[in-house]
Amino acid sequence: MAAQKPRTGDGPLEVTKEGRGNVLRLPVEGGGRLVMELNDEEVKALYDALEPIVKR
């Protein structure tokens, strides 16, 4: 029988480098997190899309 990992539930927005990819963990409304693995080009495209609307 395969071991199951416990669900971590909600957590902060985080991006970590894992192997050759980048893992984005995004909290979503209603609980839980959306987890996506992105390559470097996808991270750059996401950054370029969000940069104009982010106010520092």
PDB file of N, CA and C in Angstrom:
ATOM      1  N   MET A   1       0.852  -1.177   0.000  1.00  0.00           N
ATOM      2  CA  MET A   1       0.000   0.000   0.000  1.00  0.00           C
ATOM      3  C   MET A   1       0.900   1.242   0.000  1.00  0.00           C
ATOM      4  N   ALA A   2       0.575   2.187  -0.851  1.00  0.00           N
ATOM      5  CA  ALA A   2       1.355   3.421  -0.954  1.00  0.00           C
ATOM      6  C   ALA A   2       1.024   4.343   0.211  1.00  0.00           C
ATOM      7  N   ALA A   3       2.037   4.993   0.729  1.00  0.00           N
ATOM      8  CA  ALA A   3       1.824   5.960   1.804  1.00  0.00           C
ATOM      9  C   ALA A   3       1.243   7.242   1.231  1.00  0.00           C
ATOM     10  N   GLN A   4       0.318   7.828   1.938  1.00  0.00           N
ATOM     11  CA  GLN A   4      -0.266   9.083   1.495  1.00  0.00           C
ATOM     12  C   GLN A   4       0.303  10.218   2.326  1.00  0.00           C
ATOM     13  N   LYS A   5       0.592  11.313   1.661  1.00  0.00           N
ATOM     14  CA  LYS A   5       1.086  12.490   2.363  1.00  0.00           C
ATOM     15  C   LYS A   5      -0.100  13.235   2.952  1.00  0.00           C
ATOM     16  N   PRO A   6       0.034  13.738   4.164  1.00  0.00           N
ATOM     17  CA  PRO A   6      -1.077  14.512   4.730  1.00  0.00           C
ATOM     18  C   PRO A   6      -1.267  15.821   3.969  1.00  0.00           C
ATOM     19  N   ARG A   7      -2.489  16.270   3.867  1.00  0.00           N
ATOM     20  CA  ARG A   7      -2.764  17.543   3.208  1.00  0.00           C
ATOM     21  C   ARG A   7      -2.325  18.660   4.136  1.00  0.00           C
ATOM     22  N   THR A   8      -1.630  19.606   3.588  1.00  0.00           N
ATOM     23  CA  THR A   8      -1.112  20.694   4.416  1.00  0.00           C
ATOM     24  C   THR A   8      -2.120  21.819   4.578  1.00  0.00           C
ATOM     25  N   GLY A   9      -3.190  21.796   3.806  1.00  0.00           N
ATOM     26  CA  GLY A   9      -4.190  22.850   3.919  1.00  0.00           C
ATOM     27  C   GLY A   9      -3.703  24.159   3.351  1.00  0.00           C
ATOM     28  N   ASP A  10      -4.197  25.232   3.914  1.00  0.00           N
ATOM     29  CA  ASP A  10      -3.817  26.557   3.442  1.00  0.00           C
ATOM     30  C   ASP A  10      -2.377  26.861   3.836  1.00  0.00           C
ATOM     31  N   GLY A  11      -1.798  27.728   3.113  1.00  0.00           N
ATOM     32  CA  GLY A  11      -0.446  28.170   3.415  1.00  0.00           C
ATOM     33  C   GLY A  11      -0.175  29.441   2.654  1.00  0.00           C
ATOM     34  N   PRO A  12       0.995  30.000   2.849  1.00  0.00           N
ATOM     35  CA  PRO A  12       1.326  31.248   2.157  1.00  0.00           C
ATOM     36  C   PRO A  12       1.626  30.999   0.686  1.00  0.00           C
ATOM     37  N   LEU A  13       1.567  32.066  -0.089  1.00  0.00           N
ATOM     38  CA  LEU A  13       2.021  32.013  -1.480  1.00  0.00           C
ATOM     39  C   LEU A  13       3.517  31.767  -1.449  1.00  0.00           C
ATOM     40  N   GLU A  14       3.970  30.769  -2.178  1.00  0.00           N
ATOM     41  CA  GLU A  14       5.404  30.506  -2.201  1.00  0.00           C
ATOM     42  C   GLU A  14       5.814  29.928  -3.543  1.00  0.00           C
ATOM     43  N   VAL A  15       7.050  30.188  -3.898  1.00  0.00           N
ATOM     44  CA  VAL A  15       7.648  29.618  -5.098  1.00  0.00           C
ATOM     45  C   VAL A  15       8.997  29.054  -4.678  1.00  0.00           C
ATOM     46  N   THR A  16       9.220  27.796  -5.015  1.00  0.00           N
ATOM     47  CA  THR A  16      10.483  27.152  -4.664  1.00  0.00           C
ATOM     48  C   THR A  16      11.095  26.534  -5.912  1.00  0.00           C
ATOM     49  N   LYS A  17      12.421  26.496  -5.935  1.00  0.00           N
ATOM     50  CA  LYS A  17      13.158  25.852  -7.018  1.00  0.00           C
ATOM     51  C   LYS A  17      13.298  24.389  -6.618  1.00  0.00           C
ATOM     52  N   GLU A  18      12.759  23.491  -7.430  1.00  0.00           N
ATOM     53  CA  GLU A  18      12.846  22.066  -7.147  1.00  0.00           C
ATOM     54  C   GLU A  18      13.348  21.365  -8.403  1.00  0.00           C
ATOM     55  N   GLY A  19      14.561  20.883  -8.334  1.00  0.00           N
ATOM     56  CA  GLY A  19      15.162  20.268  -9.514  1.00  0.00           C
ATOM     57  C   GLY A  19      15.366  21.307 -10.592  1.00  0.00           C
ATOM     58  N   ARG A  20      14.897  21.010 -11.796  1.00  0.00           N
ATOM     59  CA  ARG A  20      15.039  21.965 -12.903  1.00  0.00           C
ATOM     60  C   ARG A  20      13.821  22.861 -13.047  1.00  0.00           C
ATOM     61  N   GLY A  21      12.807  22.688 -12.216  1.00  0.00           N
ATOM     62  CA  GLY A  21      11.584  23.479 -12.329  1.00  0.00           C
ATOM     63  C   GLY A  21      11.371  24.380 -11.133  1.00  0.00           C
ATOM     64  N   ASN A  22      10.316  25.167 -11.204  1.00  0.00           N
ATOM     65  CA  ASN A  22       9.907  26.068 -10.124  1.00  0.00           C
ATOM     66  C   ASN A  22       8.495  25.667  -9.737  1.00  0.00           C
ATOM     67  N   VAL A  23       8.252  25.496  -8.438  1.00  0.00           N
ATOM     68  CA  VAL A  23       6.937  25.074  -7.975  1.00  0.00           C
ATOM     69  C   VAL A  23       6.254  26.259  -7.302  1.00  0.00           C
ATOM     70  N   LEU A  24       5.084  26.623  -7.837  1.00  0.00           N
ATOM     71  CA  LEU A  24       4.274  27.717  -7.316  1.00  0.00           C
ATOM     72  C   LEU A  24       3.136  27.121  -6.497  1.00  0.00           C
ATOM     73  N   ARG A  25       3.010  27.556  -5.249  1.00  0.00           N
ATOM     74  CA  ARG A  25       1.901  27.133  -4.390  1.00  0.00           C
ATOM     75  C   ARG A  25       1.081  28.379  -4.064  1.00  0.00           C
ATOM     76  N   LEU A  26      -0.138  28.413  -4.591  1.00  0.00           N
ATOM     77  CA  LEU A  26      -0.988  29.597  -4.523  1.00  0.00           C
ATOM     78  C   LEU A  26      -2.247  29.291  -3.714  1.00  0.00           C
ATOM     79  N   PRO A  27      -2.449  29.971  -2.573  1.00  0.00           N
ATOM     80  CA  PRO A  27      -3.681  29.754  -1.810  1.00  0.00           C
ATOM     81  C   PRO A  27      -4.898  30.152  -2.646  1.00  0.00           C
ATOM     82  N   VAL A  28      -5.961  29.364  -2.568  1.00  0.00           N
ATOM     83  CA  VAL A  28      -7.171  29.657  -3.321  1.00  0.00           C
ATOM     84  C   VAL A  28      -8.353  29.837  -2.377  1.00  0.00           C
ATOM     85  N   GLU A  29      -9.310  30.631  -2.840  1.00  0.00           N
ATOM     86  CA  GLU A  29     -10.506  30.890  -2.053  1.00  0.00           C
ATOM     87  C   GLU A  29     -11.241  29.572  -1.807  1.00  0.00           C
ATOM     88  N   GLY A  30     -11.690  29.378  -0.583  1.00  0.00           N
ATOM     89  CA  GLY A  30     -12.388  28.152  -0.237  1.00  0.00           C
ATOM     90  C   GLY A  30     -11.482  27.111   0.395  1.00  0.00           C
ATOM     91  N   GLY A  31     -10.196  27.413   0.497  1.00  0.00           N
ATOM     92  CA  GLY A  31      -9.250  26.505   1.134  1.00  0.00           C
ATOM     93  C   GLY A  31      -8.401  25.755   0.131  1.00  0.00           C
ATOM     94  N   GLY A  32      -7.288  25.302   0.596  1.00  0.00           N
ATOM     95  CA  GLY A  32      -6.361  24.565  -0.250  1.00  0.00           C
ATOM     96  C   GLY A  32      -5.445  25.482  -1.033  1.00  0.00           C
ATOM     97  N   ARG A  33      -4.591  24.866  -1.810  1.00  0.00           N
ATOM     98  CA  ARG A  33      -3.653  25.623  -2.628  1.00  0.00           C
ATOM     99  C   ARG A  33      -3.574  25.014  -4.010  1.00  0.00           C
ATOM    100  N   LEU A  34      -3.396  25.867  -4.985  1.00  0.00           N
ATOM    101  CA  LEU A  34      -3.148  25.447  -6.363  1.00  0.00           C
ATOM    102  C   LEU A  34      -1.642  25.279  -6.491  1.00  0.00           C
ATOM    103  N   VAL A  35      -1.212  24.115  -6.944  1.00  0.00           N
ATOM    104  CA  VAL A  35       0.212  23.840  -7.080  1.00  0.00           C
ATOM    105  C   VAL A  35       0.516  23.636  -8.558  1.00  0.00           C
ATOM    106  N   MET A  36       1.491  24.420  -9.065  1.00  0.00           N
ATOM    107  CA  MET A  36       1.882  24.333 -10.473  1.00  0.00           C
ATOM    108  C   MET A  36       3.398  24.278 -10.568  1.00  0.00           C
ATOM    109  N   GLU A  37       3.882  23.479 -11.514  1.00  0.00           N
ATOM    110  CA  GLU A  37       5.309  23.471 -11.799  1.00  0.00           C
ATOM    111  C   GLU A  37       5.530  24.261 -13.083  1.00  0.00           C
ATOM    112  N   LEU A  38       6.428  25.242 -13.019  1.00  0.00           N
ATOM    113  CA  LEU A  38       6.690  26.136 -14.140  1.00  0.00           C
ATOM    114  C   LEU A  38       8.162  26.082 -14.502  1.00  0.00           C
ATOM    115  N   ASN A  39       8.451  26.168 -15.803  1.00  0.00           N
ATOM    116  CA  ASN A  39       9.854  26.285 -16.198  1.00  0.00           C
ATOM    117  C   ASN A  39      10.236  27.764 -16.158  1.00  0.00           C
ATOM    118  N   ASP A  40      11.499  28.061 -16.396  1.00  0.00           N
ATOM    119  CA  ASP A  40      11.979  29.446 -16.279  1.00  0.00           C
ATOM    120  C   ASP A  40      11.281  30.396 -17.257  1.00  0.00           C
ATOM    121  N   GLU A  41      10.995  29.925 -18.468  1.00  0.00           N
ATOM    122  CA  GLU A  41      10.313  30.782 -19.444  1.00  0.00           C
ATOM    123  C   GLU A  41       8.888  31.109 -18.988  1.00  0.00           C
ATOM    124  N   GLU A  42       8.213  30.136 -18.397  1.00  0.00           N
ATOM    125  CA  GLU A  42       6.851  30.365 -17.910  1.00  0.00           C
ATOM    126  C   GLU A  42       6.833  31.329 -16.727  1.00  0.00           C
ATOM    127  N   VAL A  43       7.841  31.235 -15.872  1.00  0.00           N
ATOM    128  CA  VAL A  43       7.947  32.166 -14.745  1.00  0.00           C
ATOM    129  C   VAL A  43       8.140  33.587 -15.262  1.00  0.00           C
ATOM    130  N   LYS A  44       8.999  33.743 -16.271  1.00  0.00           N
ATOM    131  CA  LYS A  44       9.243  35.067 -16.857  1.00  0.00           C
ATOM    132  C   LYS A  44       7.969  35.616 -17.498  1.00  0.00           C
ATOM    133  N   ALA A  45       7.223  34.775 -18.215  1.00  0.00           N
ATOM    134  CA  ALA A  45       5.973  35.212 -18.838  1.00  0.00           C
ATOM    135  C   ALA A  45       4.941  35.622 -17.785  1.00  0.00           C
ATOM    136  N   LEU A  46       4.865  34.877 -16.690  1.00  0.00           N
ATOM    137  CA  LEU A  46       3.940  35.221 -15.602  1.00  0.00           C
ATOM    138  C   LEU A  46       4.342  36.542 -14.958  1.00  0.00           C
ATOM    139  N   TYR A  47       5.628  36.727 -14.742  1.00  0.00           N
ATOM    140  CA  TYR A  47       6.133  37.976 -14.177  1.00  0.00           C
ATOM    141  C   TYR A  47       5.795  39.159 -15.088  1.00  0.00           C
ATOM    142  N   ASP A  48       6.042  38.997 -16.386  1.00  0.00           N
ATOM    143  CA  ASP A  48       5.767  40.064 -17.346  1.00  0.00           C
ATOM    144  C   ASP A  48       4.281  40.413 -17.383  1.00  0.00           C
ATOM    145  N   ALA A  49       3.421  39.413 -17.223  1.00  0.00           N
ATOM    146  CA  ALA A  49       1.981  39.654 -17.240  1.00  0.00           C
ATOM    147  C   ALA A  49       1.493  40.362 -15.973  1.00  0.00           C
ATOM    148  N   LEU A  50       2.130  40.081 -14.829  1.00  0.00           N
ATOM    149  CA  LEU A  50       1.692  40.668 -13.563  1.00  0.00           C
ATOM    150  C   LEU A  50       2.346  42.006 -13.233  1.00  0.00           C
ATOM    151  N   GLU A  51       3.529  42.234 -13.758  1.00  0.00           N
ATOM    152  CA  GLU A  51       4.279  43.438 -13.420  1.00  0.00           C
ATOM    153  C   GLU A  51       3.505  44.741 -13.632  1.00  0.00           C
ATOM    154  N   PRO A  52       2.777  44.910 -14.728  1.00  0.00           N
ATOM    155  CA  PRO A  52       2.065  46.181 -14.940  1.00  0.00           C
ATOM    156  C   PRO A  52       0.976  46.480 -13.903  1.00  0.00           C
ATOM    157  N   ILE A  53       0.436  45.467 -13.267  1.00  0.00           N
ATOM    158  CA  ILE A  53      -0.652  45.722 -12.316  1.00  0.00           C
ATOM    159  C   ILE A  53      -0.203  45.693 -10.858  1.00  0.00           C
ATOM    160  N   VAL A  54       1.038  45.314 -10.618  1.00  0.00           N
ATOM    161  CA  VAL A  54       1.559  45.266  -9.241  1.00  0.00           C
ATOM    162  C   VAL A  54       2.072  46.637  -8.859  1.00  0.00           C
ATOM    163  N   LYS A  55       1.586  47.142  -7.747  1.00  0.00           N
ATOM    164  CA  LYS A  55       2.055  48.443  -7.240  1.00  0.00           C
ATOM    165  C   LYS A  55       2.955  48.200  -6.047  1.00  0.00           C
ATOM    166  N   ARG A  56       4.102  48.798  -6.083  1.00  0.00           N
ATOM    167  CA  ARG A  56       5.057  48.613  -4.969  1.00  0.00           C
ATOM    168  C   ARG A  56       5.018  49.802  -4.056  1.00  0.00           C
TER     169      ARG A  56
END
